[in-house]
Amino acid sequence: MLGAPRALFLAAAGLQPVMRGELRVEGKPPLRAVRERLAASAPLDPPLPRGWTVRQYVTWSARLAGFTRGAAVTQASEALSLLRLGGVAGARLSKATVAVRRATVLAAALATGAAAILVEDPVAGLPPETERFFARVVVRALESRRTVFFGGRVPLESPVALAADEALVVGGSRVEAQGAPGEIAAQERAFALRVAGDVQAFARSLASRGARLLSPLDASNRGRLSVELGDFGTRELLDIAASCDAVVLELRPLSRAFA
C-alpha cells in the first residue's frame, strides 16, 4: 500500500481509532483482529526499552500475545532466526543499529503468531548498501504470512515490489490505482488528479476526448480522480480543465509510486 497516510497504518494496526468509515483487518475491526492474534504490526522506529536485549523484547511480545513462558521462548527463537538476529539476540537495544532495531520490531510481530503482519516501510532511510539486503531478509521472513506493506515509493525492482501480489496506490483517503506492481508502473499515461471547480463537466469532457477514468467519480472523492489519458498530453488536459471552469490543483503520475 503506497502513499497511504500514516493514520491509515495506525488505524489498521489498532493503534488509533478509525475516525471515519469502516476498516477491517482479516474480516474484523482492527483492535479485535490484534487481540485475537489475527494480525500484528511492525511500526517504523517505535520507542524500544533501551536496557532490554533483542531476545527479551521479542519474547515479551510473544508473552503479550498469550503464549506460555516456554512457548514464548520458542516463538521468539523462530522469529529471531527468520530475521537473522541470532548473532545479536543478546545485544542491548540501546547499542543496536537501526537495521537491527527494525528487524527486532518485525521479529516481535512474527512472534505473536498472527496470521497477517502489517509492516510500515522498514527500509526507509537506510543506506543503499543496506537497504536491498535488508529488504530481501524481510521478504523471506514474511513469505509464510499474509503481509500488508505500507510505504511511500518502492522501486519496481525492489524485493518488496517483486514479491507483492497486488499494490494499492493511495492518495488522501482514496485508492488511485490497484493491480500488480508491474502493471501500475507501466501506466505511463495514467495520472492522479485533484481538481477544483466543475469536476463532473471536466470528467465528461475528458471521456469525450478518449481518456479513461480509472476511479469512480462521486461526491466522496472530493475532486480526486484517476485518469488514463488517450492521445493527448498534460498540457491539453489543463486546457480542457480551463474550458470546463475547473482547475487542476495536483497532477501526479501513478507510475511514480514505483520510481
C-alpha atoms as a PDB file:
ATOM      1  CA  MET A   1       0.000   0.000   0.000  1.00  0.00           C
ATOM      2  CA  LEU A   2       1.822   3.034  -1.296  1.00  0.00           C
ATOM      3  CA  GLY A   3       1.223   6.669  -0.449  1.00  0.00           C
ATOM      4  CA  ALA A   4      -1.276   5.989   2.337  1.00  0.00           C
ATOM      5  CA  PRO A   5      -1.259   8.430   5.261  1.00  0.00           C
ATOM      6  CA  ARG A   6       0.357   7.074   8.418  1.00  0.00           C
ATOM      7  CA  ALA A   7      -3.006   7.375  10.151  1.00  0.00           C
ATOM      8  CA  LEU A   8      -4.277   4.517   7.977  1.00  0.00           C
ATOM      9  CA  PHE A   9      -1.455   2.247   9.113  1.00  0.00           C
ATOM     10  CA  LEU A  10      -2.033   3.184  12.753  1.00  0.00           C
ATOM     11  CA  ALA A  11      -5.774   2.563  12.435  1.00  0.00           C
ATOM     12  CA  ALA A  12      -5.258  -0.783  10.665  1.00  0.00           C
ATOM     13  CA  ALA A  13      -2.810  -1.796  13.403  1.00  0.00           C
ATOM     14  CA  GLY A  14      -5.339  -0.946  16.114  1.00  0.00           C
ATOM     15  CA  LEU A  15      -3.069   1.806  17.429  1.00  0.00           C
ATOM     16  CA  GLN A  16      -5.589   4.587  16.913  1.00  0.00           C
ATOM     17  CA  PRO A  17      -9.362   4.649  16.347  1.00  0.00           C
ATOM     18  CA  VAL A  18     -10.943   4.766  12.903  1.00  0.00           C
ATOM     19  CA  MET A  19     -12.232   8.311  12.577  1.00  0.00           C
ATOM     20  CA  ARG A  20     -14.491   7.842   9.568  1.00  0.00           C
ATOM     21  CA  GLY A  21     -15.927   4.941   7.592  1.00  0.00           C
ATOM     22  CA  GLU A  22     -15.150   1.291   8.306  1.00  0.00           C
ATOM     23  CA  LEU A  23     -11.875  -0.597   8.353  1.00  0.00           C
ATOM     24  CA  ARG A  24     -11.495  -4.371   8.586  1.00  0.00           C
ATOM     25  CA  VAL A  25      -8.389  -6.465   9.067  1.00  0.00           C
ATOM     26  CA  GLU A  26      -8.779 -10.176   8.467  1.00  0.00           C
ATOM     27  CA  GLY A  27     -12.518  -9.525   8.441  1.00  0.00           C
ATOM     28  CA  LYS A  28     -12.565  -7.992  11.919  1.00  0.00           C
ATOM     29  CA  PRO A  29     -12.274  -4.479  13.404  1.00  0.00           C
ATOM     30  CA  PRO A  30      -8.527  -3.801  13.760  1.00  0.00           C
ATOM     31  CA  LEU A  31      -8.248  -3.912  17.555  1.00  0.00           C
ATOM     32  CA  ARG A  32     -10.254  -7.136  17.704  1.00  0.00           C
ATOM     33  CA  ALA A  33      -8.061  -8.654  14.981  1.00  0.00           C
ATOM     34  CA  VAL A  34      -4.979  -7.844  17.067  1.00  0.00           C
ATOM     35  CA  ARG A  35      -6.481  -9.212  20.285  1.00  0.00           C
ATOM     36  CA  GLU A  36      -7.471 -12.447  18.531  1.00  0.00           C
ATOM     37  CA  ARG A  37      -3.953 -12.826  17.088  1.00  0.00           C
ATOM     38  CA  LEU A  38      -5.271 -12.492  13.568  1.00  0.00           C
ATOM     39  CA  ALA A  39      -2.971  -9.545  12.910  1.00  0.00           C
ATOM     40  CA  ALA A  40       0.131  -7.899  14.318  1.00  0.00           C
ATOM     41  CA  SER A  41       2.004  -4.787  13.289  1.00  0.00           C
ATOM     42  CA  ALA A  42       5.585  -3.607  12.897  1.00  0.00           C
ATOM     43  CA  PRO A  43       5.599   0.213  13.102  1.00  0.00           C
ATOM     44  CA  LEU A  44       8.578   2.169  11.851  1.00  0.00           C
ATOM     45  CA  ASP A  45      11.037   3.015  14.625  1.00  0.00           C
ATOM     46  CA  PRO A  46       8.787   2.834  17.713  1.00  0.00           C
ATOM     47  CA  PRO A  47      10.323   3.575  21.135  1.00  0.00           C
ATOM     48  CA  LEU A  48      12.154   0.491  22.454  1.00  0.00           C
ATOM     49  CA  PRO A  49      13.307  -0.272  26.008  1.00  0.00           C
ATOM     50  CA  ARG A  50      16.990   0.611  25.799  1.00  0.00           C
ATOM     51  CA  GLY A  51      18.061  -1.703  28.582  1.00  0.00           C
ATOM     52  CA  TRP A  52      16.451  -4.808  27.076  1.00  0.00           C
ATOM     53  CA  THR A  53      18.149  -7.246  24.754  1.00  0.00           C
ATOM     54  CA  VAL A  54      16.819  -8.123  21.330  1.00  0.00           C
ATOM     55  CA  ARG A  55      15.703 -11.547  22.599  1.00  0.00           C
ATOM     56  CA  GLN A  56      13.958 -10.090  25.647  1.00  0.00           C
ATOM     57  CA  TYR A  57      11.890  -7.743  23.523  1.00  0.00           C
ATOM     58  CA  VAL A  58      10.798 -10.422  21.041  1.00  0.00           C
ATOM     59  CA  THR A  59       9.997 -12.890  23.836  1.00  0.00           C
ATOM     60  CA  TRP A  60       7.981 -10.210  25.662  1.00  0.00           C
ATOM     61  CA  SER A  61       5.911  -9.700  22.502  1.00  0.00           C
ATOM     62  CA  ALA A  62       5.100 -13.410  22.372  1.00  0.00           C
ATOM     63  CA  ARG A  63       4.142 -13.369  26.050  1.00  0.00           C
ATOM     64  CA  LEU A  64       1.822 -10.405  25.448  1.00  0.00           C
ATOM     65  CA  ALA A  65       0.166 -12.419  22.678  1.00  0.00           C
ATOM     66  CA  GLY A  66      -0.783 -15.050  25.252  1.00  0.00           C
ATOM     67  CA  PHE A  67       1.905 -17.701  24.909  1.00  0.00           C
ATOM     68  CA  THR A  68       3.205 -19.504  27.986  1.00  0.00           C
ATOM     69  CA  ARG A  69       6.792 -18.785  29.009  1.00  0.00           C
ATOM     70  CA  GLY A  70       8.169 -21.873  27.276  1.00  0.00           C
ATOM     71  CA  ALA A  71       6.102 -21.370  24.141  1.00  0.00           C
ATOM     72  CA  ALA A  72       7.087 -17.691  24.031  1.00  0.00           C
ATOM     73  CA  VAL A  73      10.772 -18.619  24.084  1.00  0.00           C
ATOM     74  CA  THR A  74      10.178 -20.971  21.153  1.00  0.00           C
ATOM     75  CA  GLN A  75       8.193 -18.362  19.212  1.00  0.00           C
ATOM     76  CA  ALA A  76      10.894 -15.782  19.815  1.00  0.00           C
ATOM     77  CA  SER A  77      13.699 -18.113  18.736  1.00  0.00           C
ATOM     78  CA  GLU A  78      11.919 -18.908  15.467  1.00  0.00           C
ATOM     79  CA  ALA A  79      11.263 -15.248  14.741  1.00  0.00           C
ATOM     80  CA  LEU A  80      14.846 -14.260  15.538  1.00  0.00           C
ATOM     81  CA  SER A  81      16.096 -16.943  13.185  1.00  0.00           C
ATOM     82  CA  LEU A  82      13.836 -15.772  10.360  1.00  0.00           C
ATOM     83  CA  LEU A  83      15.159 -12.214  10.682  1.00  0.00           C
ATOM     84  CA  ARG A  84      18.768 -13.455  11.041  1.00  0.00           C
ATOM     85  CA  LEU A  85      19.066 -11.951  14.502  1.00  0.00           C
ATOM     86  CA  GLY A  86      20.543 -14.979  16.220  1.00  0.00           C
ATOM     87  CA  GLY A  87      24.008 -13.455  16.378  1.00  0.00           C
ATOM     88  CA  VAL A  88      22.813 -10.279  18.087  1.00  0.00           C
ATOM     89  CA  ALA A  89      19.962 -11.714  20.178  1.00  0.00           C
ATOM     90  CA  GLY A  90      21.848 -10.949  23.404  1.00  0.00           C
ATOM     91  CA  ALA A  91      22.756  -7.384  22.424  1.00  0.00           C
ATOM     92  CA  ARG A  92      21.107  -4.465  24.178  1.00  0.00           C
ATOM     93  CA  LEU A  93      18.727  -2.445  22.045  1.00  0.00           C
ATOM     94  CA  SER A  94      20.472   0.760  23.118  1.00  0.00           C
ATOM     95  CA  LYS A  95      23.559  -0.341  21.193  1.00  0.00           C
ATOM     96  CA  ALA A  96      21.778  -1.877  18.191  1.00  0.00           C
ATOM     97  CA  THR A  97      21.955  -0.424  14.688  1.00  0.00           C
ATOM     98  CA  VAL A  98      18.838   0.969  13.012  1.00  0.00           C
ATOM     99  CA  ALA A  99      18.520  -2.173  10.867  1.00  0.00           C
ATOM    100  CA  VAL A 100      18.776  -4.460  13.920  1.00  0.00           C
ATOM    101  CA  ARG A 101      16.169  -2.443  15.818  1.00  0.00           C
ATOM    102  CA  ARG A 102      13.787  -2.587  12.859  1.00  0.00           C
ATOM    103  CA  ALA A 103      14.371  -6.307  12.436  1.00  0.00           C
ATOM    104  CA  THR A 104      13.634  -6.709  16.146  1.00  0.00           C
ATOM    105  CA  VAL A 105      10.268  -4.973  15.764  1.00  0.00           C
ATOM    106  CA  LEU A 106       9.453  -7.269  12.835  1.00  0.00           C
ATOM    107  CA  ALA A 107      10.518 -10.332  14.831  1.00  0.00           C
ATOM    108  CA  ALA A 108       8.289  -9.198  17.673  1.00  0.00           C
ATOM    109  CA  ALA A 109       5.319  -9.076  15.294  1.00  0.00           C
ATOM    110  CA  LEU A 110       6.117 -12.538  13.945  1.00  0.00           C
ATOM    111  CA  ALA A 111       6.488 -13.940  17.457  1.00  0.00           C
ATOM    112  CA  THR A 112       2.827 -13.199  18.170  1.00  0.00           C
ATOM    113  CA  GLY A 113       1.881 -15.969  15.753  1.00  0.00           C
ATOM    114  CA  ALA A 114      -0.512 -13.636  13.932  1.00  0.00           C
ATOM    115  CA  ALA A 115      -1.751 -14.722  10.526  1.00  0.00           C
ATOM    116  CA  ALA A 116      -1.288 -11.279   8.988  1.00  0.00           C
ATOM    117  CA  ILE A 117       1.513  -8.783   9.521  1.00  0.00           C
ATOM    118  CA  LEU A 118       1.161  -5.059   8.848  1.00  0.00           C
ATOM    119  CA  VAL A 119       4.573  -3.551   8.111  1.00  0.00           C
ATOM    120  CA  GLU A 120       5.492   0.110   7.987  1.00  0.00           C
ATOM    121  CA  ASP A 121       8.330   0.601   5.475  1.00  0.00           C
ATOM    122  CA  PRO A 122      11.286  -0.999   7.311  1.00  0.00           C
ATOM    123  CA  VAL A 123      13.869   0.092   4.721  1.00  0.00           C
ATOM    124  CA  ALA A 124      13.006   3.811   4.788  1.00  0.00           C
ATOM    125  CA  GLY A 125      16.150   5.920   5.083  1.00  0.00           C
ATOM    126  CA  LEU A 126      18.593   3.016   5.165  1.00  0.00           C
ATOM    127  CA  PRO A 127      21.861   3.369   3.228  1.00  0.00           C
ATOM    128  CA  PRO A 128      21.653   1.846  -0.287  1.00  0.00           C
ATOM    129  CA  GLU A 129      24.195  -0.849   0.581  1.00  0.00           C
ATOM    130  CA  THR A 130      21.995  -1.982   3.486  1.00  0.00           C
ATOM    131  CA  GLU A 131      18.544  -1.411   2.011  1.00  0.00           C
ATOM    132  CA  ARG A 132      18.404  -4.150  -0.623  1.00  0.00           C
ATOM    133  CA  PHE A 133      19.936  -6.852   1.586  1.00  0.00           C
ATOM    134  CA  PHE A 134      17.626  -5.980   4.456  1.00  0.00           C
ATOM    135  CA  ALA A 135      14.593  -5.930   2.141  1.00  0.00           C
ATOM    136  CA  ARG A 136      15.420  -9.462   0.962  1.00  0.00           C
ATOM    137  CA  VAL A 137      15.691 -10.664   4.559  1.00  0.00           C
ATOM    138  CA  VAL A 138      12.334  -9.077   5.422  1.00  0.00           C
ATOM    139  CA  VAL A 139      10.554 -10.526   2.384  1.00  0.00           C
ATOM    140  CA  ARG A 140      11.850 -14.037   3.086  1.00  0.00           C
ATOM    141  CA  ALA A 141      10.948 -13.811   6.765  1.00  0.00           C
ATOM    142  CA  LEU A 142       7.383 -12.816   5.928  1.00  0.00           C
ATOM    143  CA  GLU A 143       6.767 -15.137   2.982  1.00  0.00           C
ATOM    144  CA  SER A 144       4.635 -17.565   5.028  1.00  0.00           C
ATOM    145  CA  ARG A 145       2.371 -14.797   6.383  1.00  0.00           C
ATOM    146  CA  ARG A 146      -0.152 -12.550   4.722  1.00  0.00           C
ATOM    147  CA  THR A 147       1.577  -9.196   4.694  1.00  0.00           C
ATOM    148  CA  VAL A 148       0.491  -5.632   4.034  1.00  0.00           C
ATOM    149  CA  PHE A 149       3.399  -3.289   3.366  1.00  0.00           C
ATOM    150  CA  PHE A 150       2.828   0.435   3.942  1.00  0.00           C
ATOM    151  CA  GLY A 151       5.281   2.802   2.300  1.00  0.00           C
ATOM    152  CA  GLY A 152       5.809   5.879   0.176  1.00  0.00           C
ATOM    153  CA  ARG A 153       7.521   4.795  -3.014  1.00  0.00           C
ATOM    154  CA  VAL A 154       9.036   1.408  -3.825  1.00  0.00           C
ATOM    155  CA  PRO A 155      11.393   0.772  -6.750  1.00  0.00           C
ATOM    156  CA  LEU A 156       9.853  -1.737  -9.140  1.00  0.00           C
ATOM    157  CA  GLU A 157      12.999  -3.865  -8.950  1.00  0.00           C
ATOM    158  CA  SER A 158      12.980  -3.975  -5.131  1.00  0.00           C
ATOM    159  CA  PRO A 159      12.398  -7.296  -3.327  1.00  0.00           C
ATOM    160  CA  VAL A 160       9.192  -5.849  -1.845  1.00  0.00           C
ATOM    161  CA  ALA A 161       7.674  -4.967  -5.230  1.00  0.00           C
ATOM    162  CA  LEU A 162       8.830  -8.227  -6.810  1.00  0.00           C
ATOM    163  CA  ALA A 163       7.200 -10.265  -4.040  1.00  0.00           C
ATOM    164  CA  ALA A 164       3.914  -8.329  -3.992  1.00  0.00           C
ATOM    165  CA  ASP A 165       0.790  -9.966  -5.425  1.00  0.00           C
ATOM    166  CA  GLU A 166      -1.045  -6.664  -5.557  1.00  0.00           C
ATOM    167  CA  ALA A 167      -0.362  -2.995  -4.994  1.00  0.00           C
ATOM    168  CA  LEU A 168      -2.660  -0.165  -3.984  1.00  0.00           C
ATOM    169  CA  VAL A 169      -1.634   3.419  -4.646  1.00  0.00           C
ATOM    170  CA  VAL A 170      -3.439   5.688  -2.194  1.00  0.00           C
ATOM    171  CA  GLY A 171      -3.913   9.437  -2.354  1.00  0.00           C
ATOM    172  CA  GLY A 172      -5.572  11.122   0.603  1.00  0.00           C
ATOM    173  CA  SER A 173      -8.211   8.624   1.655  1.00  0.00           C
ATOM    174  CA  ARG A 174      -8.950   7.023  -1.706  1.00  0.00           C
ATOM    175  CA  VAL A 175      -7.422   4.298  -3.866  1.00  0.00           C
ATOM    176  CA  GLU A 176      -5.934   5.810  -7.017  1.00  0.00           C
ATOM    177  CA  ALA A 177      -4.704   2.571  -8.593  1.00  0.00           C
ATOM    178  CA  GLN A 178      -4.861  -1.125  -7.836  1.00  0.00           C
ATOM    179  CA  GLY A 179      -3.197  -4.073  -9.516  1.00  0.00           C
ATOM    180  CA  ALA A 180       0.104  -5.853  -9.976  1.00  0.00           C
ATOM    181  CA  PRO A 181       3.092  -3.525  -9.392  1.00  0.00           C
ATOM    182  CA  GLY A 182       4.367  -4.040 -12.937  1.00  0.00           C
ATOM    183  CA  GLU A 183       1.003  -3.158 -14.435  1.00  0.00           C
ATOM    184  CA  ILE A 184       0.733   0.079 -12.460  1.00  0.00           C
ATOM    185  CA  ALA A 185       4.322   1.050 -13.225  1.00  0.00           C
ATOM    186  CA  ALA A 186       3.653   0.523 -16.951  1.00  0.00           C
ATOM    187  CA  GLN A 187       0.788   3.041 -16.960  1.00  0.00           C
ATOM    188  CA  GLU A 188       2.962   5.939 -18.055  1.00  0.00           C
ATOM    189  CA  ARG A 189      -0.035   7.995 -19.181  1.00  0.00           C
ATOM    190  CA  ALA A 190      -2.104   7.442 -16.046  1.00  0.00           C
ATOM    191  CA  PHE A 191      -2.372  10.269 -13.534  1.00  0.00           C
ATOM    192  CA  ALA A 192      -3.937  11.020 -10.170  1.00  0.00           C
ATOM    193  CA  LEU A 193      -5.638  14.421 -10.173  1.00  0.00           C
ATOM    194  CA  ARG A 194      -7.050  16.758  -7.584  1.00  0.00           C
ATOM    195  CA  VAL A 195      -9.469  19.164  -9.200  1.00  0.00           C
ATOM    196  CA  ALA A 196     -11.462  22.176  -8.032  1.00  0.00           C
ATOM    197  CA  GLY A 197     -14.480  23.606  -9.838  1.00  0.00           C
ATOM    198  CA  ASP A 198     -16.849  21.715 -12.129  1.00  0.00           C
ATOM    199  CA  VAL A 199     -15.315  18.271 -11.743  1.00  0.00           C
ATOM    200  CA  GLN A 200     -18.245  16.474 -13.386  1.00  0.00           C
ATOM    201  CA  ALA A 201     -18.029  18.577 -16.554  1.00  0.00           C
ATOM    202  CA  PHE A 202     -14.255  18.113 -16.611  1.00  0.00           C
ATOM    203  CA  ALA A 203     -14.593  14.316 -16.306  1.00  0.00           C
ATOM    204  CA  ARG A 204     -17.208  14.199 -19.085  1.00  0.00           C
ATOM    205  CA  SER A 205     -15.001  16.286 -21.368  1.00  0.00           C
ATOM    206  CA  LEU A 206     -12.006  14.041 -20.706  1.00  0.00           C
ATOM    207  CA  ALA A 207     -14.054  10.951 -21.541  1.00  0.00           C
ATOM    208  CA  SER A 208     -15.293  12.532 -24.771  1.00  0.00           C
ATOM    209  CA  ARG A 209     -11.648  13.064 -25.789  1.00  0.00           C
ATOM    210  CA  GLY A 210     -10.814   9.389 -25.276  1.00  0.00           C
ATOM    211  CA  ALA A 211      -9.461   9.468 -21.744  1.00  0.00           C
ATOM    212  CA  ARG A 212     -10.414   6.625 -19.407  1.00  0.00           C
ATOM    213  CA  LEU A 213     -11.476   7.229 -15.822  1.00  0.00           C
ATOM    214  CA  LEU A 214      -9.759   4.724 -13.546  1.00  0.00           C
ATOM    215  CA  SER A 215     -11.761   5.607 -10.451  1.00  0.00           C
ATOM    216  CA  PRO A 216     -15.473   6.210  -9.796  1.00  0.00           C
ATOM    217  CA  LEU A 217     -16.489   9.843  -9.756  1.00  0.00           C
ATOM    218  CA  ASP A 218     -18.751  10.701  -6.842  1.00  0.00           C
ATOM    219  CA  ALA A 219     -19.099  13.285  -4.104  1.00  0.00           C
ATOM    220  CA  SER A 220     -16.984  11.300  -1.648  1.00  0.00           C
ATOM    221  CA  ASN A 221     -13.899  11.696  -3.855  1.00  0.00           C
ATOM    222  CA  ARG A 222     -13.705  15.427  -3.110  1.00  0.00           C
ATOM    223  CA  GLY A 223     -12.353  16.343  -6.502  1.00  0.00           C
ATOM    224  CA  ARG A 224      -9.867  13.478  -6.696  1.00  0.00           C
ATOM    225  CA  LEU A 225      -9.849  11.155  -9.686  1.00  0.00           C
ATOM    226  CA  SER A 226      -7.506   8.882 -11.573  1.00  0.00           C
ATOM    227  CA  VAL A 227      -7.429   9.033 -15.340  1.00  0.00           C
ATOM    228  CA  GLU A 228      -5.556   7.390 -18.196  1.00  0.00           C
ATOM    229  CA  LEU A 229      -5.006   9.919 -20.971  1.00  0.00           C
ATOM    230  CA  GLY A 230      -5.811   8.996 -24.548  1.00  0.00           C
ATOM    231  CA  ASP A 231      -3.956  10.643 -27.418  1.00  0.00           C
ATOM    232  CA  PHE A 232      -3.355  13.962 -25.702  1.00  0.00           C
ATOM    233  CA  GLY A 233      -0.873  15.258 -23.181  1.00  0.00           C
ATOM    234  CA  THR A 234      -0.952  17.010 -19.838  1.00  0.00           C
ATOM    235  CA  ARG A 235      -0.927  20.485 -21.418  1.00  0.00           C
ATOM    236  CA  GLU A 236      -4.151  19.662 -23.263  1.00  0.00           C
ATOM    237  CA  LEU A 237      -5.566  18.227 -20.048  1.00  0.00           C
ATOM    238  CA  LEU A 238      -5.050  21.582 -18.342  1.00  0.00           C
ATOM    239  CA  ASP A 239      -6.675  23.370 -21.279  1.00  0.00           C
ATOM    240  CA  ILE A 240      -9.702  21.056 -21.040  1.00  0.00           C
ATOM    241  CA  ALA A 241      -9.978  21.838 -17.325  1.00  0.00           C
ATOM    242  CA  ALA A 242      -9.937  25.565 -18.009  1.00  0.00           C
ATOM    243  CA  SER A 243     -12.680  25.218 -20.629  1.00  0.00           C
ATOM    244  CA  CYS A 244     -14.868  23.458 -18.048  1.00  0.00           C
ATOM    245  CA  ASP A 245     -14.378  26.030 -15.266  1.00  0.00           C
ATOM    246  CA  ALA A 246     -12.160  23.581 -13.419  1.00  0.00           C
ATOM    247  CA  VAL A 247      -8.633  23.925 -12.052  1.00  0.00           C
ATOM    248  CA  VAL A 248      -6.162  21.060 -11.699  1.00  0.00           C
ATOM    249  CA  LEU A 249      -4.562  21.528  -8.289  1.00  0.00           C
ATOM    250  CA  GLU A 250      -2.468  18.375  -8.320  1.00  0.00           C
ATOM    251  CA  LEU A 251      -1.218  16.120 -11.112  1.00  0.00           C
ATOM    252  CA  ARG A 252       0.838  13.015 -10.267  1.00  0.00           C
ATOM    253  CA  PRO A 253       1.869  10.076 -12.472  1.00  0.00           C
ATOM    254  CA  LEU A 254       0.618   6.850 -10.904  1.00  0.00           C
ATOM    255  CA  SER A 255       3.808   5.127 -12.037  1.00  0.00           C
ATOM    256  CA  ARG A 256       5.789   7.402  -9.700  1.00  0.00           C
ATOM    257  CA  ALA A 257       4.883   5.113  -6.798  1.00  0.00           C
ATOM    258  CA  PHE A 258       7.397   2.649  -8.257  1.00  0.00           C
ATOM    259  CA  ALA A 259      10.074   5.173  -9.210  1.00  0.00           C
END
